[in-house]
Structures are given as structure tokens and as C-alpha cells.
Amino acid sequence: MNNGDGDKNQFFHTSDFYISRVIKSAGLPLKDIQINNFGKATFVFENPKQTAEYLIKKHWNRELKITSLDLVEAINQLKTRLHERL
């Protein structure tokens, strides 16, 4: 996982599907899915004020409150977007 490279708009990149579902279900917009030559996907999220890092920290500290329905919807949306790219 890493942050964008200082562009005017900040982006957060991760190839971790489960972290992506947490970020998506918390409300950060998915900007793109990049597929490398080996077929590995990288999810790119808009990341104003380093919100993704804050959400991940809250997630690992078991302090992030997200409903199970939001997680399931995020999984379905990410899988749909991913399969559109393949």
C-alpha cells in the first residue's frame, strides 16, 4: 500500500482486496483499477487528507464501524469493477 506521489489530488494505491473493501465501504471513491502485465490488480482510491491511512489504522485497531451490508456491497462493487477490467 502506498500513497499517491504528491499530485494535486491525492490517491491511495493498494493491491489488497480486503483493505480495498474497507476503504470503499467507508466511502472513499474508487478512481481506477490498474492491471499490470502479470494480471495483478491495484486499486486506486481518491484520498483527500490521507483519509485511507486513517481508515486502515481504525480498521486494524478495531475502531472502525462499518455495517456488514456496506462491506458486502463494497465487495460486490469491487468484484464487478475488477471483472470489467479483465
C-alpha atoms as a PDB file:
ATOM      1  CA  MET A   1       0.000   0.000   0.000  1.00  0.00           C
ATOM      2  CA  ASN A   2       1.235   3.445  -0.729  1.00  0.00           C
ATOM      3  CA  ASN A   3       0.072   6.962  -1.155  1.00  0.00           C
ATOM      4  CA  GLY A   4      -0.006   8.982  -4.364  1.00  0.00           C
ATOM      5  CA  ASP A   5       3.116  10.780  -5.492  1.00  0.00           C
ATOM      6  CA  GLY A   6       2.226  14.300  -4.394  1.00  0.00           C
ATOM      7  CA  ASP A   7      -0.197  15.135  -7.197  1.00  0.00           C
ATOM      8  CA  LYS A   8      -2.649  17.943  -6.599  1.00  0.00           C
ATOM      9  CA  ASN A   9      -5.256  15.225  -5.990  1.00  0.00           C
ATOM     10  CA  GLN A  10      -4.080  12.590  -3.565  1.00  0.00           C
ATOM     11  CA  PHE A  11      -4.576   8.923  -4.390  1.00  0.00           C
ATOM     12  CA  PHE A  12      -4.137   5.747  -2.374  1.00  0.00           C
ATOM     13  CA  HIS A  13      -2.956   2.556  -4.124  1.00  0.00           C
ATOM     14  CA  THR A  14      -3.318  -0.971  -2.795  1.00  0.00           C
ATOM     15  CA  SER A  15      -3.380  -4.472  -4.242  1.00  0.00           C
ATOM     16  CA  ASP A  16      -5.049  -5.813  -1.073  1.00  0.00           C
ATOM     17  CA  PHE A  17      -8.661  -6.643  -1.935  1.00  0.00           C
ATOM     18  CA  TYR A  18      -9.800  -6.772   1.689  1.00  0.00           C
ATOM     19  CA  ILE A  19      -8.307  -3.387   2.567  1.00  0.00           C
ATOM     20  CA  SER A  20      -9.950  -2.063  -0.602  1.00  0.00           C
ATOM     21  CA  ARG A  21     -13.363  -3.252   0.576  1.00  0.00           C
ATOM     22  CA  VAL A  22     -12.853  -1.447   3.904  1.00  0.00           C
ATOM     23  CA  ILE A  23     -11.842   1.784   2.172  1.00  0.00           C
ATOM     24  CA  LYS A  24     -14.696   1.526  -0.353  1.00  0.00           C
ATOM     25  CA  SER A  25     -17.325   0.721   2.282  1.00  0.00           C
ATOM     26  CA  ALA A  26     -16.146   3.707   4.341  1.00  0.00           C
ATOM     27  CA  GLY A  27     -16.977   5.962   1.403  1.00  0.00           C
ATOM     28  CA  LEU A  28     -13.759   6.751  -0.462  1.00  0.00           C
ATOM     29  CA  PRO A  29     -14.355   6.764  -4.232  1.00  0.00           C
ATOM     30  CA  LEU A  30     -12.601   4.136  -6.342  1.00  0.00           C
ATOM     31  CA  LYS A  31     -10.821   6.090  -9.070  1.00  0.00           C
ATOM     32  CA  ASP A  32      -9.291   3.256 -11.093  1.00  0.00           C
ATOM     33  CA  ILE A  33      -8.147  -0.347 -11.136  1.00  0.00           C
ATOM     34  CA  GLN A  34      -4.744  -0.823 -12.731  1.00  0.00           C
ATOM     35  CA  ILE A  35      -3.786  -4.269 -14.045  1.00  0.00           C
ATOM     36  CA  ASN A  36      -0.083  -4.992 -14.514  1.00  0.00           C
ATOM     37  CA  ASN A  37       1.468  -7.322 -17.116  1.00  0.00           C
ATOM     38  CA  PHE A  38       1.176 -10.250 -14.716  1.00  0.00           C
ATOM     39  CA  GLY A  39      -2.557  -9.732 -14.147  1.00  0.00           C
ATOM     40  CA  LYS A  40      -2.189  -8.287 -10.650  1.00  0.00           C
ATOM     41  CA  ALA A  41      -4.726  -5.589  -9.819  1.00  0.00           C
ATOM     42  CA  THR A  42      -4.014  -2.364  -7.963  1.00  0.00           C
ATOM     43  CA  PHE A  43      -6.999  -0.429  -6.644  1.00  0.00           C
ATOM     44  CA  VAL A  44      -6.655   3.360  -6.780  1.00  0.00           C
ATOM     45  CA  PHE A  45      -8.796   5.449  -4.427  1.00  0.00           C
ATOM     46  CA  GLU A  46      -9.212   9.171  -4.049  1.00  0.00           C
ATOM     47  CA  ASN A  47      -7.521  10.011  -0.765  1.00  0.00           C
ATOM     48  CA  PRO A  48      -8.230  13.526   0.490  1.00  0.00           C
ATOM     49  CA  LYS A  49      -6.230  14.444   3.582  1.00  0.00           C
ATOM     50  CA  GLN A  50      -4.790  10.900   3.812  1.00  0.00           C
ATOM     51  CA  THR A  51      -8.187   9.533   4.795  1.00  0.00           C
ATOM     52  CA  ALA A  52      -7.334   5.995   3.634  1.00  0.00           C
ATOM     53  CA  GLU A  53      -4.448   5.693   6.088  1.00  0.00           C
ATOM     54  CA  TYR A  54      -6.719   6.884   8.902  1.00  0.00           C
ATOM     55  CA  LEU A  55      -9.410   4.343   7.940  1.00  0.00           C
ATOM     56  CA  ILE A  56      -6.900   1.491   7.782  1.00  0.00           C
ATOM     57  CA  LYS A  57      -5.491   2.401  11.193  1.00  0.00           C
ATOM     58  CA  LYS A  58      -9.018   2.483  12.641  1.00  0.00           C
ATOM     59  CA  HIS A  59      -9.751  -0.871  10.970  1.00  0.00           C
ATOM     60  CA  TRP A  60      -6.689  -2.614  12.431  1.00  0.00           C
ATOM     61  CA  ASN A  61      -7.392  -1.107  15.862  1.00  0.00           C
ATOM     62  CA  ARG A  62     -10.958  -2.467  15.651  1.00  0.00           C
ATOM     63  CA  GLU A  63     -12.351   1.046  15.981  1.00  0.00           C
ATOM     64  CA  LEU A  64     -13.918   1.408  12.523  1.00  0.00           C
ATOM     65  CA  LYS A  65     -17.673   0.919  12.500  1.00  0.00           C
ATOM     66  CA  ILE A  66     -18.981  -0.367   9.169  1.00  0.00           C
ATOM     67  CA  THR A  67     -22.149  -2.387   8.696  1.00  0.00           C
ATOM     68  CA  SER A  68     -21.910  -5.866   7.231  1.00  0.00           C
ATOM     69  CA  LEU A  69     -24.257  -4.784   4.440  1.00  0.00           C
ATOM     70  CA  ASP A  70     -21.850  -1.983   3.472  1.00  0.00           C
ATOM     71  CA  LEU A  71     -18.969  -4.485   3.376  1.00  0.00           C
ATOM     72  CA  VAL A  72     -20.928  -6.906   1.181  1.00  0.00           C
ATOM     73  CA  GLU A  73     -21.938  -4.091  -1.187  1.00  0.00           C
ATOM     74  CA  ALA A  74     -18.316  -2.916  -1.395  1.00  0.00           C
ATOM     75  CA  ILE A  75     -17.152  -6.456  -2.200  1.00  0.00           C
ATOM     76  CA  ASN A  76     -19.739  -6.783  -4.969  1.00  0.00           C
ATOM     77  CA  GLN A  77     -18.884  -3.378  -6.439  1.00  0.00           C
ATOM     78  CA  LEU A  78     -15.134  -4.061  -6.389  1.00  0.00           C
ATOM     79  CA  LYS A  79     -15.565  -7.505  -7.953  1.00  0.00           C
ATOM     80  CA  THR A  80     -17.789  -6.071 -10.679  1.00  0.00           C
ATOM     81  CA  ARG A  81     -15.296  -3.310 -11.488  1.00  0.00           C
ATOM     82  CA  LEU A  82     -12.415  -5.801 -11.403  1.00  0.00           C
ATOM     83  CA  HIS A  83     -14.115  -8.230 -13.799  1.00  0.00           C
ATOM     84  CA  GLU A  84     -14.906  -5.349 -16.167  1.00  0.00           C
ATOM     85  CA  ARG A  85     -11.143  -4.718 -16.408  1.00  0.00           C
ATOM     86  CA  LEU A  86     -10.155  -8.331 -17.129  1.00  0.00           C
END
